[in-house]
């Protein structure tokens, strides 16, 4: 392709990304506007104002530990690749990534920052640790969500989320096994390569190549999956503590362990910017089952995300002072 053709192709790609970003922002605003239109905005604000301040401080703690455990999961992978990066720096880099995740239209921005700050002239290896960290995070999320919907099925005989989560778990486990088993992947590689839609086959093969060095490192992989499950528990405890700060009817932490992972799975679908609107809609849908008014559920969702957002601002400070290696 000549330079002009390449330039026009790149320009079209950039325009498509820009349009998709604008569309996602519009969808999020639209969903949130629809919710507010159907609900009582005054009650949502009253719920937010009613939260006792010390509970907001308490709720920051699990979000802080969420970042610490997430950074430590990545540290395990970095140690396996012998990057020799101290945990203090890894934690700082993770804060930077979290900061960019919240300010850029996709979480890829945070992953790019992790690669840039950790690569030490080993870009491919740094990319591999980030990609594997992502995959194992998804595994932990779906494992936690699976036990949540299994509880709903056994105890409450509710099955509407079970097929979705089970299919997702099976797919993510299969992908994990294929990517970390060289022998298994080689059987499917010719088929994968033929997938031309969105260059998916090519991208999957590149992803496998990046993760190849972790083939057989099952102890490391299992440890990271355990950390991923702990992370999901922490993400459920944060909104629970926000709820405790409200003078509303209280529930145990169990519904949060059940519903928040399901919400996190749905929030992975890139419909809106930072799952804005989508997350609130599913808070309303799911927490109505334990007697929460829709305005209460929306308030819990908004405040919980705001606390995580505020905590991520520390990454902006690290970004100013940290140097790339």
C-alpha atoms as a PDB file:
ATOM      1  CA  UNK A   1       0.000   0.000   0.000  1.00  0.00           C
ATOM      2  CA  UNK A   2       1.344   3.427  -0.919  1.00  0.00           C
ATOM      3  CA  UNK A   3       1.859   6.080   1.817  1.00  0.00           C
ATOM      4  CA  UNK A   4      -1.283   8.002   0.825  1.00  0.00           C
ATOM      5  CA  UNK A   5      -3.407   4.858   0.937  1.00  0.00           C
ATOM      6  CA  UNK A   6      -1.954   3.896   4.306  1.00  0.00           C
ATOM      7  CA  UNK A   7      -2.638   7.398   5.630  1.00  0.00           C
ATOM      8  CA  UNK A   8      -6.270   7.302   4.451  1.00  0.00           C
ATOM      9  CA  UNK A   9      -6.763   3.839   5.979  1.00  0.00           C
ATOM     10  CA  UNK A  10      -5.346   5.000   9.328  1.00  0.00           C
ATOM     11  CA  UNK A  11      -7.507   8.110   9.161  1.00  0.00           C
ATOM     12  CA  UNK A  12     -10.637   6.007   8.623  1.00  0.00           C
ATOM     13  CA  UNK A  13      -9.718   3.830  11.600  1.00  0.00           C
ATOM     14  CA  UNK A  14      -9.204   6.868  13.806  1.00  0.00           C
ATOM     15  CA  UNK A  15     -12.514   8.331  12.673  1.00  0.00           C
ATOM     16  CA  UNK A  16     -14.306   5.068  13.430  1.00  0.00           C
ATOM     17  CA  UNK A  17     -12.740   4.948  16.911  1.00  0.00           C
ATOM     18  CA  UNK A  18     -13.714   8.573  17.524  1.00  0.00           C
ATOM     19  CA  UNK A  19     -17.279   7.961  16.394  1.00  0.00           C
ATOM     20  CA  UNK A  20     -17.555   4.828  18.538  1.00  0.00           C
ATOM     21  CA  UNK A  21     -16.233   6.713  21.585  1.00  0.00           C
ATOM     22  CA  UNK A  22     -18.745   9.515  21.073  1.00  0.00           C
ATOM     23  CA  UNK A  23     -21.509   6.939  20.609  1.00  0.00           C
ATOM     24  CA  UNK A  24     -20.580   5.150  23.845  1.00  0.00           C
ATOM     25  CA  UNK A  25     -20.617   8.431  25.762  1.00  0.00           C
ATOM     26  CA  UNK A  26     -23.998   9.279  24.230  1.00  0.00           C
ATOM     27  CA  UNK A  27     -25.422   5.847  25.125  1.00  0.00           C
ATOM     28  CA  UNK A  28     -24.258   6.202  28.732  1.00  0.00           C
ATOM     29  CA  UNK A  29     -25.747   9.690  29.058  1.00  0.00           C
ATOM     30  CA  UNK A  30     -28.935   8.485  27.375  1.00  0.00           C
ATOM     31  CA  UNK A  31     -29.339   5.516  29.724  1.00  0.00           C
ATOM     32  CA  UNK A  32     -28.665   7.673  32.764  1.00  0.00           C
ATOM     33  CA  UNK A  33     -31.092  10.354  31.557  1.00  0.00           C
ATOM     34  CA  UNK A  34     -33.767   7.696  31.032  1.00  0.00           C
ATOM     35  CA  UNK A  35     -33.229   6.337  34.530  1.00  0.00           C
ATOM     36  CA  UNK A  36     -33.423   9.780  36.128  1.00  0.00           C
ATOM     37  CA  UNK A  37     -36.515  10.624  34.073  1.00  0.00           C
ATOM     38  CA  UNK A  38     -38.256   7.479  35.334  1.00  0.00           C
ATOM     39  CA  UNK A  39     -37.053   7.865  38.930  1.00  0.00           C
ATOM     40  CA  UNK A  40     -37.154  10.628  41.521  1.00  0.00           C
ATOM     41  CA  UNK A  41     -33.939  12.642  41.225  1.00  0.00           C
ATOM     42  CA  UNK A  42     -34.651  14.321  44.555  1.00  0.00           C
ATOM     43  CA  UNK A  43     -34.708  10.933  46.305  1.00  0.00           C
ATOM     44  CA  UNK A  44     -31.455   9.877  44.627  1.00  0.00           C
ATOM     45  CA  UNK A  45     -29.744  13.049  45.856  1.00  0.00           C
ATOM     46  CA  UNK A  46     -31.322  12.683  49.304  1.00  0.00           C
ATOM     47  CA  UNK A  47     -29.954   9.137  49.544  1.00  0.00           C
ATOM     48  CA  UNK A  48     -26.492  10.356  48.596  1.00  0.00           C
ATOM     49  CA  UNK A  49     -26.614  13.208  51.120  1.00  0.00           C
ATOM     50  CA  UNK A  50     -27.812  10.848  53.845  1.00  0.00           C
ATOM     51  CA  UNK A  51     -24.686   8.671  53.753  1.00  0.00           C
ATOM     52  CA  UNK A  52     -22.658   9.019  56.939  1.00  0.00           C
ATOM     53  CA  UNK A  53     -19.227  10.352  56.074  1.00  0.00           C
ATOM     54  CA  UNK A  54     -17.257   7.766  58.029  1.00  0.00           C
ATOM     55  CA  UNK A  55     -18.864   5.007  55.964  1.00  0.00           C
ATOM     56  CA  UNK A  56     -17.492   6.664  52.852  1.00  0.00           C
ATOM     57  CA  UNK A  57     -14.036   6.392  54.411  1.00  0.00           C
ATOM     58  CA  UNK A  58     -14.705   2.743  55.275  1.00  0.00           C
ATOM     59  CA  UNK A  59     -15.807   2.072  51.679  1.00  0.00           C
ATOM     60  CA  UNK A  60     -12.540   3.479  50.343  1.00  0.00           C
ATOM     61  CA  UNK A  61     -10.616   0.747  52.181  1.00  0.00           C
ATOM     62  CA  UNK A  62     -11.758  -2.260  50.084  1.00  0.00           C
ATOM     63  CA  UNK A  63     -11.202  -0.229  46.897  1.00  0.00           C
ATOM     64  CA  UNK A  64      -7.687   0.575  48.082  1.00  0.00           C
ATOM     65  CA  UNK A  65      -7.033  -3.106  48.801  1.00  0.00           C
ATOM     66  CA  UNK A  66      -8.553  -3.946  45.414  1.00  0.00           C
ATOM     67  CA  UNK A  67      -5.765  -1.932  43.781  1.00  0.00           C
ATOM     68  CA  UNK A  68      -3.138  -3.474  46.076  1.00  0.00           C
ATOM     69  CA  UNK A  69      -4.235  -7.071  45.365  1.00  0.00           C
ATOM     70  CA  UNK A  70      -4.565  -6.304  41.631  1.00  0.00           C
ATOM     71  CA  UNK A  71      -1.033  -4.909  41.608  1.00  0.00           C
ATOM     72  CA  UNK A  72       0.241  -7.932  43.538  1.00  0.00           C
ATOM     73  CA  UNK A  73      -1.392 -10.299  41.021  1.00  0.00           C
ATOM     74  CA  UNK A  74       0.511  -8.505  38.272  1.00  0.00           C
ATOM     75  CA  UNK A  75       3.652  -8.602  40.463  1.00  0.00           C
ATOM     76  CA  UNK A  76       3.445 -12.422  40.538  1.00  0.00           C
ATOM     77  CA  UNK A  77       3.536 -12.455  36.729  1.00  0.00           C
ATOM     78  CA  UNK A  78       6.355  -9.898  36.591  1.00  0.00           C
ATOM     79  CA  UNK A  79       8.375 -11.990  39.056  1.00  0.00           C
ATOM     80  CA  UNK A  80       7.825 -15.082  36.924  1.00  0.00           C
ATOM     81  CA  UNK A  81       9.310 -13.175  33.962  1.00  0.00           C
ATOM     82  CA  UNK A  82      12.176 -11.936  36.195  1.00  0.00           C
ATOM     83  CA  UNK A  83      11.540  -8.234  35.762  1.00  0.00           C
ATOM     84  CA  UNK A  84      12.965  -7.485  39.229  1.00  0.00           C
ATOM     85  CA  UNK A  85      10.584  -4.573  39.798  1.00  0.00           C
ATOM     86  CA  UNK A  86       9.960  -3.785  43.496  1.00  0.00           C
ATOM     87  CA  UNK A  87       6.338  -3.977  44.591  1.00  0.00           C
ATOM     88  CA  UNK A  88       6.263  -0.285  45.521  1.00  0.00           C
ATOM     89  CA  UNK A  89       6.911   0.650  41.904  1.00  0.00           C
ATOM     90  CA  UNK A  90       4.453  -1.961  40.617  1.00  0.00           C
ATOM     91  CA  UNK A  91       1.779  -0.479  42.881  1.00  0.00           C
ATOM     92  CA  UNK A  92       2.548   3.028  41.645  1.00  0.00           C
ATOM     93  CA  UNK A  93       2.302   1.874  38.016  1.00  0.00           C
ATOM     94  CA  UNK A  94      -1.018   0.189  38.747  1.00  0.00           C
ATOM     95  CA  UNK A  95      -2.362   3.415  40.232  1.00  0.00           C
ATOM     96  CA  UNK A  96      -1.295   5.205  37.037  1.00  0.00           C
ATOM     97  CA  UNK A  97      -3.067   2.569  34.926  1.00  0.00           C
ATOM     98  CA  UNK A  98      -6.216   2.919  37.043  1.00  0.00           C
ATOM     99  CA  UNK A  99      -6.099   6.688  36.597  1.00  0.00           C
ATOM    100  CA  UNK A 100      -5.902   6.369  32.807  1.00  0.00           C
ATOM    101  CA  UNK A 101      -8.612   3.696  32.750  1.00  0.00           C
ATOM    102  CA  UNK A 102     -11.006   6.206  34.276  1.00  0.00           C
ATOM    103  CA  UNK A 103     -10.074   9.082  31.979  1.00  0.00           C
ATOM    104  CA  UNK A 104      -9.660   7.320  28.644  1.00  0.00           C
ATOM    105  CA  UNK A 105     -12.544   5.798  26.672  1.00  0.00           C
ATOM    106  CA  UNK A 106     -11.171   2.244  26.999  1.00  0.00           C
ATOM    107  CA  UNK A 107      -9.294   0.239  29.628  1.00  0.00           C
ATOM    108  CA  UNK A 108      -6.617  -0.428  27.012  1.00  0.00           C
ATOM    109  CA  UNK A 109      -5.148   2.969  27.895  1.00  0.00           C
ATOM    110  CA  UNK A 110      -4.285   1.735  31.370  1.00  0.00           C
ATOM    111  CA  UNK A 111      -2.730  -1.438  29.971  1.00  0.00           C
ATOM    112  CA  UNK A 112      -0.558   0.625  27.639  1.00  0.00           C
ATOM    113  CA  UNK A 113       0.714   2.618  30.611  1.00  0.00           C
ATOM    114  CA  UNK A 114       1.584  -0.584  32.447  1.00  0.00           C
ATOM    115  CA  UNK A 115       3.622  -1.777  29.477  1.00  0.00           C
ATOM    116  CA  UNK A 116       5.408   1.569  29.053  1.00  0.00           C
ATOM    117  CA  UNK A 117       6.374   1.846  32.723  1.00  0.00           C
ATOM    118  CA  UNK A 118       7.471  -1.757  33.201  1.00  0.00           C
ATOM    119  CA  UNK A 119       9.062  -2.902  29.937  1.00  0.00           C
ATOM    120  CA  UNK A 120      12.780  -2.194  30.634  1.00  0.00           C
ATOM    121  CA  UNK A 121      13.592  -2.746  26.945  1.00  0.00           C
ATOM    122  CA  UNK A 122      11.492  -5.928  27.068  1.00  0.00           C
ATOM    123  CA  UNK A 123       8.297  -4.713  25.499  1.00  0.00           C
ATOM    124  CA  UNK A 124       7.057  -8.144  24.369  1.00  0.00           C
ATOM    125  CA  UNK A 125       7.526  -9.621  27.845  1.00  0.00           C
ATOM    126  CA  UNK A 126       5.856  -6.628  29.504  1.00  0.00           C
ATOM    127  CA  UNK A 127       2.935  -6.936  27.102  1.00  0.00           C
ATOM    128  CA  UNK A 128       2.672 -10.653  27.886  1.00  0.00           C
ATOM    129  CA  UNK A 129       2.373 -10.037  31.643  1.00  0.00           C
ATOM    130  CA  UNK A 130      -0.355  -7.430  31.102  1.00  0.00           C
ATOM    131  CA  UNK A 131      -2.330  -9.628  28.692  1.00  0.00           C
ATOM    132  CA  UNK A 132      -2.085 -12.680  30.945  1.00  0.00           C
ATOM    133  CA  UNK A 133      -3.062 -10.532  33.929  1.00  0.00           C
ATOM    134  CA  UNK A 134      -6.162  -9.432  32.005  1.00  0.00           C
ATOM    135  CA  UNK A 135      -7.129 -12.979  31.053  1.00  0.00           C
ATOM    136  CA  UNK A 136      -6.732 -14.299  34.607  1.00  0.00           C
ATOM    137  CA  UNK A 137      -8.734 -11.348  35.916  1.00  0.00           C
ATOM    138  CA  UNK A 138     -11.600 -12.353  33.628  1.00  0.00           C
ATOM    139  CA  UNK A 139     -11.333 -15.957  34.846  1.00  0.00           C
ATOM    140  CA  UNK A 140     -11.617 -14.855  38.484  1.00  0.00           C
ATOM    141  CA  UNK A 141     -14.570 -12.608  37.657  1.00  0.00           C
ATOM    142  CA  UNK A 142     -16.496 -15.373  35.908  1.00  0.00           C
ATOM    143  CA  UNK A 143     -15.646 -17.919  38.622  1.00  0.00           C
ATOM    144  CA  UNK A 144     -17.009 -15.576  41.309  1.00  0.00           C
ATOM    145  CA  UNK A 145     -20.063 -14.750  39.201  1.00  0.00           C
ATOM    146  CA  UNK A 146     -20.651 -18.456  38.557  1.00  0.00           C
ATOM    147  CA  UNK A 147     -20.882 -19.220  42.274  1.00  0.00           C
ATOM    148  CA  UNK A 148     -23.205 -16.223  42.646  1.00  0.00           C
ATOM    149  CA  UNK A 149     -25.673 -17.478  40.017  1.00  0.00           C
ATOM    150  CA  UNK A 150     -25.283 -21.044  41.296  1.00  0.00           C
ATOM    151  CA  UNK A 151     -26.469 -19.807  44.688  1.00  0.00           C
ATOM    152  CA  UNK A 152     -29.444 -18.103  43.032  1.00  0.00           C
ATOM    153  CA  UNK A 153     -30.250 -21.327  41.209  1.00  0.00           C
ATOM    154  CA  UNK A 154     -29.962 -23.690  44.207  1.00  0.00           C
ATOM    155  CA  UNK A 155     -31.454 -21.502  46.935  1.00  0.00           C
ATOM    156  CA  UNK A 156     -33.875 -19.250  45.061  1.00  0.00           C
ATOM    157  CA  UNK A 157     -34.459 -21.259  41.878  1.00  0.00           C
ATOM    158  CA  UNK A 158     -33.628 -18.243  39.706  1.00  0.00           C
ATOM    159  CA  UNK A 159     -32.066 -19.212  36.388  1.00  0.00           C
ATOM    160  CA  UNK A 160     -32.171 -16.114  34.174  1.00  0.00           C
ATOM    161  CA  UNK A 161     -28.453 -15.295  34.632  1.00  0.00           C
ATOM    162  CA  UNK A 162     -27.201 -18.875  34.864  1.00  0.00           C
ATOM    163  CA  UNK A 163     -26.870 -19.642  31.102  1.00  0.00           C
ATOM    164  CA  UNK A 164     -25.128 -16.329  30.403  1.00  0.00           C
ATOM    165  CA  UNK A 165     -22.549 -16.770  33.178  1.00  0.00           C
ATOM    166  CA  UNK A 166     -22.000 -20.487  32.526  1.00  0.00           C
ATOM    167  CA  UNK A 167     -21.406 -19.879  28.802  1.00  0.00           C
ATOM    168  CA  UNK A 168     -19.051 -17.004  29.636  1.00  0.00           C
ATOM    169  CA  UNK A 169     -17.161 -19.130  32.176  1.00  0.00           C
ATOM    170  CA  UNK A 170     -16.799 -22.038  29.746  1.00  0.00           C
ATOM    171  CA  UNK A 171     -15.540 -19.714  27.004  1.00  0.00           C
ATOM    172  CA  UNK A 172     -13.023 -17.937  29.238  1.00  0.00           C
ATOM    173  CA  UNK A 173     -11.744 -21.252  30.705  1.00  0.00           C
ATOM    174  CA  UNK A 174     -11.350 -22.683  27.195  1.00  0.00           C
ATOM    175  CA  UNK A 175      -9.517 -19.571  26.025  1.00  0.00           C
ATOM    176  CA  UNK A 176      -7.255 -19.748  29.084  1.00  0.00           C
ATOM    177  CA  UNK A 177      -6.464 -23.411  28.517  1.00  0.00           C
ATOM    178  CA  UNK A 178      -5.814 -22.895  24.802  1.00  0.00           C
ATOM    179  CA  UNK A 179      -3.540 -19.932  25.406  1.00  0.00           C
ATOM    180  CA  UNK A 180      -1.471 -21.619  28.091  1.00  0.00           C
ATOM    181  CA  UNK A 181      -1.304 -25.048  26.461  1.00  0.00           C
ATOM    182  CA  UNK A 182       0.985 -25.016  23.441  1.00  0.00           C
ATOM    183  CA  UNK A 183      -0.120 -28.466  22.311  1.00  0.00           C
ATOM    184  CA  UNK A 184      -3.839 -27.610  22.491  1.00  0.00           C
ATOM    185  CA  UNK A 185      -3.424 -24.278  20.707  1.00  0.00           C
ATOM    186  CA  UNK A 186      -1.446 -25.791  17.843  1.00  0.00           C
ATOM    187  CA  UNK A 187      -4.464 -27.914  16.944  1.00  0.00           C
ATOM    188  CA  UNK A 188      -6.702 -24.872  16.570  1.00  0.00           C
ATOM    189  CA  UNK A 189      -4.194 -22.311  15.277  1.00  0.00           C
ATOM    190  CA  UNK A 190      -4.881 -22.957  11.540  1.00  0.00           C
ATOM    191  CA  UNK A 191      -8.621 -22.512  12.155  1.00  0.00           C
ATOM    192  CA  UNK A 192      -8.093 -19.369  14.254  1.00  0.00           C
ATOM    193  CA  UNK A 193      -5.883 -17.863  11.569  1.00  0.00           C
ATOM    194  CA  UNK A 194      -8.758 -18.081   9.069  1.00  0.00           C
ATOM    195  CA  UNK A 195     -10.980 -15.781  11.150  1.00  0.00           C
ATOM    196  CA  UNK A 196     -10.786 -12.533   9.171  1.00  0.00           C
ATOM    197  CA  UNK A 197     -13.532 -10.553  10.927  1.00  0.00           C
ATOM    198  CA  UNK A 198     -11.874  -7.568  12.660  1.00  0.00           C
ATOM    199  CA  UNK A 199      -8.571  -9.444  12.153  1.00  0.00           C
ATOM    200  CA  UNK A 200      -9.660 -11.556  15.116  1.00  0.00           C
ATOM    201  CA  UNK A 201      -7.643 -14.611  14.077  1.00  0.00           C
ATOM    202  CA  UNK A 202      -4.441 -12.624  13.672  1.00  0.00           C
ATOM    203  CA  UNK A 203      -4.976 -10.878  16.995  1.00  0.00           C
ATOM    204  CA  UNK A 204      -5.668 -14.129  18.844  1.00  0.00           C
ATOM    205  CA  UNK A 205      -2.497 -15.690  17.440  1.00  0.00           C
ATOM    206  CA  UNK A 206      -0.448 -12.662  18.518  1.00  0.00           C
ATOM    207  CA  UNK A 207      -2.005 -12.854  21.967  1.00  0.00           C
ATOM    208  CA  UNK A 208      -1.096 -16.530  22.209  1.00  0.00           C
ATOM    209  CA  UNK A 209       2.499 -15.813  21.204  1.00  0.00           C
ATOM    210  CA  UNK A 210       2.744 -13.194  23.930  1.00  0.00           C
ATOM    211  CA  UNK A 211       1.425 -15.644  26.533  1.00  0.00           C
ATOM    212  CA  UNK A 212       3.472 -18.647  25.378  1.00  0.00           C
ATOM    213  CA  UNK A 213       6.139 -18.245  28.071  1.00  0.00           C
ATOM    214  CA  UNK A 214       3.499 -18.864  30.740  1.00  0.00           C
ATOM    215  CA  UNK A 215       2.689 -22.257  29.233  1.00  0.00           C
ATOM    216  CA  UNK A 216       2.895 -24.822  32.015  1.00  0.00           C
ATOM    217  CA  UNK A 217       3.189 -22.223  34.810  1.00  0.00           C
ATOM    218  CA  UNK A 218       0.029 -23.579  36.370  1.00  0.00           C
ATOM    219  CA  UNK A 219       0.990 -22.766  39.959  1.00  0.00           C
ATOM    220  CA  UNK A 220       1.463 -19.108  39.027  1.00  0.00           C
ATOM    221  CA  UNK A 221      -1.774 -19.122  37.032  1.00  0.00           C
ATOM    222  CA  UNK A 222      -3.815 -20.659  39.885  1.00  0.00           C
ATOM    223  CA  UNK A 223      -2.371 -18.204  42.420  1.00  0.00           C
ATOM    224  CA  UNK A 224      -3.385 -15.309  40.154  1.00  0.00           C
ATOM    225  CA  UNK A 225      -6.899 -16.716  39.736  1.00  0.00           C
ATOM    226  CA  UNK A 226      -7.239 -16.899  43.541  1.00  0.00           C
ATOM    227  CA  UNK A 227      -6.179 -13.244  43.745  1.00  0.00           C
ATOM    228  CA  UNK A 228      -8.778 -12.452  41.072  1.00  0.00           C
ATOM    229  CA  UNK A 229     -11.519 -14.035  43.193  1.00  0.00           C
ATOM    230  CA  UNK A 230     -10.367 -11.990  46.223  1.00  0.00           C
ATOM    231  CA  UNK A 231     -10.521  -8.871  44.041  1.00  0.00           C
ATOM    232  CA  UNK A 232     -14.169  -9.561  43.177  1.00  0.00           C
ATOM    233  CA  UNK A 233     -14.991  -9.924  46.872  1.00  0.00           C
ATOM    234  CA  UNK A 234     -13.382  -6.547  47.596  1.00  0.00           C
ATOM    235  CA  UNK A 235     -15.354  -4.927  44.775  1.00  0.00           C
ATOM    236  CA  UNK A 236     -18.551  -6.224  46.372  1.00  0.00           C
ATOM    237  CA  UNK A 237     -17.672  -5.051  49.888  1.00  0.00           C
ATOM    238  CA  UNK A 238     -17.216  -1.413  48.764  1.00  0.00           C
ATOM    239  CA  UNK A 239     -20.881  -0.868  47.717  1.00  0.00           C
ATOM    240  CA  UNK A 240     -22.023  -2.842  50.784  1.00  0.00           C
ATOM    241  CA  UNK A 241     -20.274  -0.338  53.066  1.00  0.00           C
ATOM    242  CA  UNK A 242     -21.831   2.542  51.116  1.00  0.00           C
ATOM    243  CA  UNK A 243     -25.239   0.967  51.741  1.00  0.00           C
ATOM    244  CA  UNK A 244     -24.506   0.669  55.473  1.00  0.00           C
ATOM    245  CA  UNK A 245     -24.025   4.425  55.593  1.00  0.00           C
ATOM    246  CA  UNK A 246     -27.593   5.027  54.405  1.00  0.00           C
ATOM    247  CA  UNK A 247     -30.571   5.164  56.812  1.00  0.00           C
ATOM    248  CA  UNK A 248     -32.419   2.617  54.693  1.00  0.00           C
ATOM    249  CA  UNK A 249     -33.437  -0.984  55.257  1.00  0.00           C
ATOM    250  CA  UNK A 250     -30.226  -2.941  55.650  1.00  0.00           C
ATOM    251  CA  UNK A 251     -29.290  -6.268  54.088  1.00  0.00           C
ATOM    252  CA  UNK A 252     -26.334  -8.565  54.652  1.00  0.00           C
ATOM    253  CA  UNK A 253     -23.281  -8.568  52.412  1.00  0.00           C
ATOM    254  CA  UNK A 254     -24.536 -11.716  50.646  1.00  0.00           C
ATOM    255  CA  UNK A 255     -26.660  -9.940  47.960  1.00  0.00           C
ATOM    256  CA  UNK A 256     -23.630  -7.806  47.103  1.00  0.00           C
ATOM    257  CA  UNK A 257     -21.487 -10.935  46.690  1.00  0.00           C
ATOM    258  CA  UNK A 258     -24.200 -12.304  44.401  1.00  0.00           C
ATOM    259  CA  UNK A 259     -25.187  -9.293  42.303  1.00  0.00           C
ATOM    260  CA  UNK A 260     -22.068  -7.091  42.055  1.00  0.00           C
ATOM    261  CA  UNK A 261     -20.041  -9.771  40.166  1.00  0.00           C
ATOM    262  CA  UNK A 262     -22.949 -10.154  37.722  1.00  0.00           C
ATOM    263  CA  UNK A 263     -22.975  -6.370  37.271  1.00  0.00           C
ATOM    264  CA  UNK A 264     -19.203  -6.426  36.741  1.00  0.00           C
ATOM    265  CA  UNK A 265     -19.601  -9.060  34.007  1.00  0.00           C
ATOM    266  CA  UNK A 266     -22.266  -6.979  32.242  1.00  0.00           C
ATOM    267  CA  UNK A 267     -20.115  -3.850  32.640  1.00  0.00           C
ATOM    268  CA  UNK A 268     -17.390  -5.538  30.570  1.00  0.00           C
ATOM    269  CA  UNK A 269     -19.579  -5.127  27.472  1.00  0.00           C
ATOM    270  CA  UNK A 270     -18.314  -1.877  25.875  1.00  0.00           C
ATOM    271  CA  UNK A 271     -21.731  -0.285  25.426  1.00  0.00           C
ATOM    272  CA  UNK A 272     -21.055   2.955  27.270  1.00  0.00           C
ATOM    273  CA  UNK A 273     -18.089   4.931  28.629  1.00  0.00           C
ATOM    274  CA  UNK A 274     -16.960   3.344  31.933  1.00  0.00           C
ATOM    275  CA  UNK A 275     -20.253   1.358  31.938  1.00  0.00           C
ATOM    276  CA  UNK A 276     -22.018   4.602  32.921  1.00  0.00           C
ATOM    277  CA  UNK A 277     -25.770   4.064  32.859  1.00  0.00           C
ATOM    278  CA  UNK A 278     -25.444   0.322  32.206  1.00  0.00           C
ATOM    279  CA  UNK A 279     -24.065  -0.264  35.707  1.00  0.00           C
ATOM    280  CA  UNK A 280     -26.812   1.827  37.325  1.00  0.00           C
ATOM    281  CA  UNK A 281     -29.550   0.099  35.324  1.00  0.00           C
ATOM    282  CA  UNK A 282     -28.442  -3.332  36.542  1.00  0.00           C
ATOM    283  CA  UNK A 283     -28.091  -2.103  40.124  1.00  0.00           C
ATOM    284  CA  UNK A 284     -31.765  -1.125  39.931  1.00  0.00           C
ATOM    285  CA  UNK A 285     -32.764  -4.393  38.237  1.00  0.00           C
ATOM    286  CA  UNK A 286     -30.921  -6.732  40.605  1.00  0.00           C
ATOM    287  CA  UNK A 287     -31.131  -5.020  43.973  1.00  0.00           C
ATOM    288  CA  UNK A 288     -34.891  -4.628  43.623  1.00  0.00           C
ATOM    289  CA  UNK A 289     -34.885  -8.348  44.502  1.00  0.00           C
ATOM    290  CA  UNK A 290     -33.775  -7.535  48.057  1.00  0.00           C
ATOM    291  CA  UNK A 291     -36.203  -4.660  48.495  1.00  0.00           C
ATOM    292  CA  UNK A 292     -34.044  -1.690  47.495  1.00  0.00           C
ATOM    293  CA  UNK A 293     -35.885   1.243  45.982  1.00  0.00           C
ATOM    294  CA  UNK A 294     -34.549   2.123  42.553  1.00  0.00           C
ATOM    295  CA  UNK A 295     -33.341   5.500  43.848  1.00  0.00           C
ATOM    296  CA  UNK A 296     -31.351   3.751  46.596  1.00  0.00           C
ATOM    297  CA  UNK A 297     -29.737   1.348  44.136  1.00  0.00           C
ATOM    298  CA  UNK A 298     -28.734   4.191  41.787  1.00  0.00           C
ATOM    299  CA  UNK A 299     -27.284   6.175  44.701  1.00  0.00           C
ATOM    300  CA  UNK A 300     -25.187   3.189  45.847  1.00  0.00           C
ATOM    301  CA  UNK A 301     -23.877   2.641  42.308  1.00  0.00           C
ATOM    302  CA  UNK A 302     -22.980   6.300  41.719  1.00  0.00           C
ATOM    303  CA  UNK A 303     -21.310   6.804  45.105  1.00  0.00           C
ATOM    304  CA  UNK A 304     -19.365   3.538  44.852  1.00  0.00           C
ATOM    305  CA  UNK A 305     -17.987   4.433  41.444  1.00  0.00           C
ATOM    306  CA  UNK A 306     -17.217   7.968  42.638  1.00  0.00           C
ATOM    307  CA  UNK A 307     -15.136   6.614  45.539  1.00  0.00           C
ATOM    308  CA  UNK A 308     -13.173   4.366  43.190  1.00  0.00           C
ATOM    309  CA  UNK A 309     -12.748   7.328  40.837  1.00  0.00           C
ATOM    310  CA  UNK A 310     -11.438   9.559  43.641  1.00  0.00           C
ATOM    311  CA  UNK A 311      -8.985   6.858  44.728  1.00  0.00           C
ATOM    312  CA  UNK A 312      -7.715   6.532  41.156  1.00  0.00           C
ATOM    313  CA  UNK A 313      -6.731  10.222  41.179  1.00  0.00           C
ATOM    314  CA  UNK A 314      -3.654   9.187  43.159  1.00  0.00           C
ATOM    315  CA  UNK A 315      -2.482   7.681  39.876  1.00  0.00           C
ATOM    316  CA  UNK A 316      -2.309  11.187  38.432  1.00  0.00           C
ATOM    317  CA  UNK A 317       0.159  12.135  41.166  1.00  0.00           C
ATOM    318  CA  UNK A 318       2.278   9.038  40.477  1.00  0.00           C
ATOM    319  CA  UNK A 319       2.163   9.879  36.757  1.00  0.00           C
ATOM    320  CA  UNK A 320       3.775  13.255  37.441  1.00  0.00           C
ATOM    321  CA  UNK A 321       6.671  11.821  39.453  1.00  0.00           C
ATOM    322  CA  UNK A 322       7.258   8.355  37.996  1.00  0.00           C
ATOM    323  CA  UNK A 323       9.803   7.825  35.256  1.00  0.00           C
ATOM    324  CA  UNK A 324       9.450   5.256  32.500  1.00  0.00           C
ATOM    325  CA  UNK A 325      12.142   2.568  32.427  1.00  0.00           C
END
